[in-house]
Amino acid sequence: MKMEKLISCCGLNCASCDARIATLANNDELRRQTAEKWKVMYNSPGITPEMINCTGCRTEGVKIVHWNDCAIRKCAESKGFSTCGQCDSLLSCETIKPVLQFAPDAIENLKLAN
């Protein structure tokens, strides 16, 4: 069985993201667990379960709080790209570098998304 892929601007797979899964299932326990995990993972103690609502950055629907400020998404959109995989500077880009460090599979996702 092939796993669904819903690739974000930065190459993360939204289909496997706990925030998206919690949103689609309206699962408050998963929202709580995700907020606790992300507080540590992203060194963001202010994350609350109420913030865990997102359908994916390239789909219609509710977006995670960070979406409005996401420099990666803004850069891709300013260049007319749907993902960073369309950019010639991908491998040397300082903006996307932090994502690629904690999610190395994002590069492969970006190659397949375009």
N, C-alpha and C. Protein backbone atom coordinates (compact mmCIF):
# COMPACT_ATOMS: atom_id res chain seq x y z
N MET A 1 0.83 -1.18 0.00
CA MET A 1 0.00 0.00 0.00
C MET A 1 0.88 1.24 0.00
N LYS A 2 0.67 2.13 -0.96
CA LYS A 2 1.46 3.33 -1.09
C LYS A 2 0.94 4.39 -0.14
N MET A 3 1.86 5.01 0.62
CA MET A 3 1.47 6.05 1.56
C MET A 3 1.22 7.35 0.81
N GLU A 4 0.16 8.03 1.21
CA GLU A 4 -0.19 9.32 0.61
C GLU A 4 0.91 10.33 0.87
N LYS A 5 1.17 11.16 -0.12
CA LYS A 5 2.13 12.25 0.04
C LYS A 5 1.41 13.54 -0.29
N LEU A 6 1.58 14.50 0.57
CA LEU A 6 1.05 15.85 0.39
C LEU A 6 2.18 16.78 0.78
N ILE A 7 2.99 17.16 -0.20
CA ILE A 7 4.26 17.82 0.07
C ILE A 7 4.07 19.33 0.24
N SER A 8 4.62 19.82 1.35
CA SER A 8 4.56 21.25 1.66
C SER A 8 5.60 22.01 0.86
N CYS A 9 5.59 23.31 0.97
CA CYS A 9 6.58 24.16 0.27
C CYS A 9 8.00 23.74 0.60
N CYS A 10 8.24 23.36 1.85
CA CYS A 10 9.60 23.03 2.30
C CYS A 10 9.94 21.55 2.16
N GLY A 11 9.00 20.74 1.74
CA GLY A 11 9.29 19.33 1.51
C GLY A 11 8.78 18.39 2.57
N LEU A 12 8.20 18.91 3.65
CA LEU A 12 7.61 18.02 4.65
C LEU A 12 6.37 17.36 4.06
N ASN A 13 6.08 16.15 4.50
CA ASN A 13 4.91 15.44 4.02
C ASN A 13 3.74 15.71 4.96
N CYS A 14 2.86 16.60 4.56
CA CYS A 14 1.72 16.99 5.40
C CYS A 14 0.79 15.79 5.67
N ALA A 15 0.77 14.83 4.77
CA ALA A 15 -0.12 13.67 4.94
C ALA A 15 0.23 12.88 6.20
N SER A 16 1.50 12.93 6.61
CA SER A 16 1.91 12.18 7.81
C SER A 16 2.11 13.10 9.02
N CYS A 17 1.73 14.36 8.89
CA CYS A 17 1.91 15.33 9.98
C CYS A 17 0.80 15.17 11.03
N ASP A 18 1.22 15.09 12.29
CA ASP A 18 0.25 14.92 13.38
C ASP A 18 -0.74 16.08 13.46
N ALA A 19 -0.32 17.30 13.12
CA ALA A 19 -1.24 18.43 13.17
C ALA A 19 -2.36 18.25 12.14
N ARG A 20 -2.00 17.83 10.94
CA ARG A 20 -3.02 17.61 9.90
C ARG A 20 -3.93 16.44 10.27
N ILE A 21 -3.33 15.36 10.77
CA ILE A 21 -4.12 14.19 11.15
C ILE A 21 -5.10 14.56 12.27
N ALA A 22 -4.62 15.31 13.26
CA ALA A 22 -5.48 15.73 14.37
C ALA A 22 -6.60 16.64 13.88
N THR A 23 -6.27 17.53 12.95
CA THR A 23 -7.27 18.46 12.41
C THR A 23 -8.36 17.71 11.66
N LEU A 24 -7.97 16.84 10.75
CA LEU A 24 -8.95 16.12 9.94
C LEU A 24 -9.83 15.20 10.78
N ALA A 25 -9.25 14.62 11.84
CA ALA A 25 -10.01 13.71 12.71
C ALA A 25 -10.67 14.44 13.88
N ASN A 26 -10.40 15.75 14.00
CA ASN A 26 -10.86 16.53 15.15
C ASN A 26 -10.51 15.82 16.45
N ASN A 27 -9.24 15.42 16.57
CA ASN A 27 -8.75 14.62 17.67
C ASN A 27 -8.01 15.50 18.68
N ASP A 28 -8.68 15.88 19.75
CA ASP A 28 -8.08 16.78 20.74
C ASP A 28 -6.94 16.12 21.50
N GLU A 29 -6.98 14.81 21.72
CA GLU A 29 -5.89 14.14 22.40
C GLU A 29 -4.62 14.17 21.55
N LEU A 30 -4.75 13.97 20.25
CA LEU A 30 -3.58 14.05 19.37
C LEU A 30 -3.08 15.49 19.30
N ARG A 31 -3.98 16.47 19.34
CA ARG A 31 -3.55 17.86 19.39
C ARG A 31 -2.71 18.11 20.64
N ARG A 32 -3.16 17.60 21.78
CA ARG A 32 -2.45 17.78 23.04
C ARG A 32 -1.07 17.13 22.97
N GLN A 33 -1.02 15.89 22.48
CA GLN A 33 0.25 15.17 22.37
C GLN A 33 1.22 15.88 21.42
N THR A 34 0.68 16.37 20.31
CA THR A 34 1.51 17.06 19.32
C THR A 34 2.06 18.36 19.89
N ALA A 35 1.24 19.11 20.59
CA ALA A 35 1.70 20.35 21.22
C ALA A 35 2.83 20.06 22.20
N GLU A 36 2.69 19.03 23.00
CA GLU A 36 3.74 18.68 23.97
C GLU A 36 5.03 18.29 23.25
N LYS A 37 4.91 17.49 22.21
CA LYS A 37 6.09 17.06 21.44
C LYS A 37 6.77 18.25 20.76
N TRP A 38 5.98 19.12 20.15
CA TRP A 38 6.53 20.25 19.42
C TRP A 38 7.14 21.30 20.34
N LYS A 39 6.64 21.42 21.58
CA LYS A 39 7.24 22.35 22.54
C LYS A 39 8.72 22.04 22.70
N VAL A 40 9.03 20.76 22.79
CA VAL A 40 10.42 20.32 22.95
C VAL A 40 11.15 20.35 21.61
N MET A 41 10.56 19.73 20.59
CA MET A 41 11.20 19.59 19.28
C MET A 41 11.60 20.94 18.68
N TYR A 42 10.72 21.93 18.81
CA TYR A 42 10.96 23.24 18.20
C TYR A 42 11.37 24.30 19.22
N ASN A 43 11.63 23.86 20.47
CA ASN A 43 12.00 24.79 21.54
C ASN A 43 11.01 25.96 21.59
N SER A 44 9.74 25.62 21.59
CA SER A 44 8.65 26.61 21.57
C SER A 44 7.66 26.30 22.69
N PRO A 45 7.98 26.72 23.91
CA PRO A 45 7.11 26.39 25.05
C PRO A 45 5.71 26.99 24.98
N GLY A 46 5.49 27.95 24.08
CA GLY A 46 4.18 28.58 23.97
C GLY A 46 3.17 27.83 23.11
N ILE A 47 3.57 26.73 22.50
CA ILE A 47 2.65 25.96 21.66
C ILE A 47 1.56 25.33 22.53
N THR A 48 0.32 25.54 22.12
CA THR A 48 -0.82 24.96 22.85
C THR A 48 -1.59 24.02 21.93
N PRO A 49 -2.38 23.12 22.51
CA PRO A 49 -3.19 22.23 21.67
C PRO A 49 -4.13 23.00 20.73
N GLU A 50 -4.58 24.16 21.14
CA GLU A 50 -5.48 24.97 20.30
C GLU A 50 -4.80 25.46 19.03
N MET A 51 -3.48 25.51 19.04
CA MET A 51 -2.71 25.94 17.87
C MET A 51 -2.53 24.81 16.85
N ILE A 52 -2.82 23.59 17.26
CA ILE A 52 -2.59 22.43 16.40
C ILE A 52 -3.82 22.22 15.51
N ASN A 53 -3.87 23.03 14.47
CA ASN A 53 -4.95 22.97 13.47
C ASN A 53 -4.36 23.33 12.12
N CYS A 54 -4.33 22.38 11.20
CA CYS A 54 -3.76 22.65 9.89
C CYS A 54 -4.20 21.56 8.91
N THR A 55 -4.51 21.97 7.69
CA THR A 55 -4.83 21.01 6.64
C THR A 55 -3.68 20.85 5.65
N GLY A 56 -2.61 21.63 5.85
CA GLY A 56 -1.45 21.59 4.96
C GLY A 56 -1.26 22.93 4.28
N CYS A 57 -0.01 23.34 4.09
CA CYS A 57 0.24 24.70 3.59
C CYS A 57 -0.13 24.89 2.13
N ARG A 58 -0.31 23.83 1.38
CA ARG A 58 -0.65 23.97 -0.04
C ARG A 58 -2.06 23.49 -0.34
N THR A 59 -2.90 23.39 0.69
CA THR A 59 -4.28 22.95 0.50
C THR A 59 -5.22 24.00 1.06
N GLU A 60 -6.47 23.91 0.69
CA GLU A 60 -7.49 24.79 1.27
C GLU A 60 -7.73 24.39 2.72
N GLY A 61 -8.13 25.33 3.51
CA GLY A 61 -8.49 25.03 4.89
C GLY A 61 -7.63 25.76 5.90
N VAL A 62 -7.83 25.41 7.14
CA VAL A 62 -7.16 26.05 8.27
C VAL A 62 -5.65 25.79 8.21
N LYS A 63 -4.88 26.77 8.68
CA LYS A 63 -3.42 26.68 8.66
C LYS A 63 -2.86 26.80 10.06
N ILE A 64 -1.72 26.17 10.28
CA ILE A 64 -1.00 26.28 11.54
C ILE A 64 -0.61 27.76 11.74
N VAL A 65 -0.53 28.20 12.97
CA VAL A 65 -0.26 29.61 13.29
C VAL A 65 0.96 30.14 12.55
N HIS A 66 2.00 29.35 12.44
CA HIS A 66 3.26 29.77 11.81
C HIS A 66 3.10 30.06 10.31
N TRP A 67 2.06 29.57 9.68
CA TRP A 67 1.90 29.69 8.22
C TRP A 67 1.99 31.14 7.75
N ASN A 68 1.36 32.06 8.46
CA ASN A 68 1.38 33.47 8.05
C ASN A 68 2.79 34.05 8.00
N ASP A 69 3.65 33.56 8.87
CA ASP A 69 5.00 34.10 8.99
C ASP A 69 6.08 33.23 8.35
N CYS A 70 5.71 32.14 7.74
CA CYS A 70 6.68 31.18 7.23
C CYS A 70 7.52 31.78 6.09
N ALA A 71 8.79 32.02 6.38
CA ALA A 71 9.70 32.62 5.40
C ALA A 71 9.90 31.70 4.19
N ILE A 72 9.87 30.41 4.42
CA ILE A 72 10.06 29.45 3.33
C ILE A 72 8.89 29.54 2.35
N ARG A 73 7.68 29.49 2.86
CA ARG A 73 6.49 29.60 2.01
C ARG A 73 6.46 30.93 1.28
N LYS A 74 6.74 32.00 2.00
CA LYS A 74 6.72 33.34 1.38
C LYS A 74 7.74 33.44 0.25
N CYS A 75 8.94 32.88 0.46
CA CYS A 75 9.98 32.92 -0.56
C CYS A 75 9.54 32.15 -1.81
N ALA A 76 9.06 30.92 -1.60
CA ALA A 76 8.63 30.10 -2.74
C ALA A 76 7.52 30.81 -3.53
N GLU A 77 6.53 31.35 -2.82
CA GLU A 77 5.43 32.04 -3.49
C GLU A 77 5.91 33.29 -4.23
N SER A 78 6.88 34.02 -3.65
CA SER A 78 7.39 35.24 -4.29
C SER A 78 8.09 34.92 -5.61
N LYS A 79 8.60 33.69 -5.72
CA LYS A 79 9.28 33.27 -6.94
C LYS A 79 8.34 32.54 -7.90
N GLY A 80 7.08 32.41 -7.51
CA GLY A 80 6.11 31.72 -8.34
C GLY A 80 6.22 30.20 -8.27
N PHE A 81 6.85 29.68 -7.23
CA PHE A 81 7.05 28.24 -7.06
C PHE A 81 5.99 27.66 -6.14
N SER A 82 5.60 26.42 -6.39
CA SER A 82 4.69 25.75 -5.47
C SER A 82 5.48 25.10 -4.33
N THR A 83 6.73 24.71 -4.61
CA THR A 83 7.62 24.18 -3.57
C THR A 83 9.04 24.67 -3.82
N CYS A 84 9.88 24.51 -2.82
CA CYS A 84 11.29 24.88 -2.94
C CYS A 84 12.03 23.97 -3.91
N GLY A 85 11.45 22.85 -4.25
CA GLY A 85 12.07 21.93 -5.20
C GLY A 85 12.23 22.52 -6.58
N GLN A 86 11.53 23.59 -6.87
CA GLN A 86 11.62 24.25 -8.17
C GLN A 86 12.75 25.28 -8.22
N CYS A 87 13.38 25.53 -7.08
CA CYS A 87 14.39 26.59 -6.97
C CYS A 87 15.80 26.03 -7.20
N ASP A 88 16.57 26.73 -8.02
CA ASP A 88 17.95 26.33 -8.30
C ASP A 88 18.85 26.46 -7.07
N SER A 89 18.45 27.27 -6.09
CA SER A 89 19.26 27.51 -4.90
C SER A 89 18.92 26.58 -3.74
N LEU A 90 18.10 25.58 -3.97
CA LEU A 90 17.61 24.72 -2.89
C LEU A 90 18.73 24.22 -1.97
N LEU A 91 19.76 23.63 -2.52
CA LEU A 91 20.78 22.99 -1.70
C LEU A 91 21.69 23.97 -0.97
N SER A 92 21.72 25.23 -1.41
CA SER A 92 22.55 26.24 -0.74
C SER A 92 21.72 27.26 0.03
N CYS A 93 20.42 27.07 0.10
CA CYS A 93 19.51 28.06 0.70
C CYS A 93 19.58 28.03 2.23
N GLU A 94 19.84 29.18 2.81
CA GLU A 94 19.90 29.30 4.28
C GLU A 94 18.49 29.30 4.88
N THR A 95 17.49 29.72 4.12
CA THR A 95 16.12 29.80 4.64
C THR A 95 15.56 28.41 4.92
N ILE A 96 15.78 27.47 4.02
CA ILE A 96 15.22 26.13 4.19
C ILE A 96 16.16 25.19 4.95
N LYS A 97 17.41 25.60 5.14
CA LYS A 97 18.42 24.74 5.77
C LYS A 97 17.97 24.10 7.09
N PRO A 98 17.34 24.84 8.02
CA PRO A 98 16.91 24.19 9.27
C PRO A 98 15.93 23.04 9.06
N VAL A 99 15.04 23.17 8.11
CA VAL A 99 14.08 22.09 7.83
C VAL A 99 14.82 20.87 7.30
N LEU A 100 15.72 21.09 6.38
CA LEU A 100 16.44 19.98 5.77
C LEU A 100 17.35 19.27 6.77
N GLN A 101 17.78 19.98 7.81
CA GLN A 101 18.62 19.37 8.84
C GLN A 101 17.83 18.40 9.71
N PHE A 102 16.58 18.76 10.06
CA PHE A 102 15.81 17.85 10.93
C PHE A 102 14.91 16.92 10.13
N ALA A 103 14.76 17.15 8.84
CA ALA A 103 13.93 16.28 7.99
C ALA A 103 14.64 16.04 6.66
N PRO A 104 15.69 15.22 6.68
CA PRO A 104 16.45 14.99 5.44
C PRO A 104 15.63 14.40 4.30
N ASP A 105 14.53 13.72 4.59
CA ASP A 105 13.69 13.18 3.52
C ASP A 105 12.96 14.27 2.74
N ALA A 106 12.99 15.50 3.25
CA ALA A 106 12.33 16.61 2.56
C ALA A 106 12.92 16.85 1.18
N ILE A 107 14.22 16.66 1.02
CA ILE A 107 14.86 16.85 -0.30
C ILE A 107 14.26 15.88 -1.31
N GLU A 108 14.15 14.63 -0.94
CA GLU A 108 13.56 13.63 -1.85
C GLU A 108 12.11 13.96 -2.15
N ASN A 109 11.37 14.38 -1.12
CA ASN A 109 9.98 14.78 -1.33
C ASN A 109 9.88 15.93 -2.33
N LEU A 110 10.79 16.89 -2.22
CA LEU A 110 10.76 18.04 -3.13
C LEU A 110 11.08 17.62 -4.56
N LYS A 111 11.98 16.69 -4.72
CA LYS A 111 12.31 16.18 -6.06
C LYS A 111 11.11 15.50 -6.69
N LEU A 112 10.36 14.74 -5.89
CA LEU A 112 9.20 14.01 -6.40
C LEU A 112 7.98 14.89 -6.61
N ALA A 113 7.90 16.01 -5.88
CA ALA A 113 6.72 16.88 -5.94
C ALA A 113 6.68 17.72 -7.19
N ASN A 114 7.80 17.84 -7.90
CA ASN A 114 7.84 18.76 -9.04
C ASN A 114 8.02 18.06 -10.35
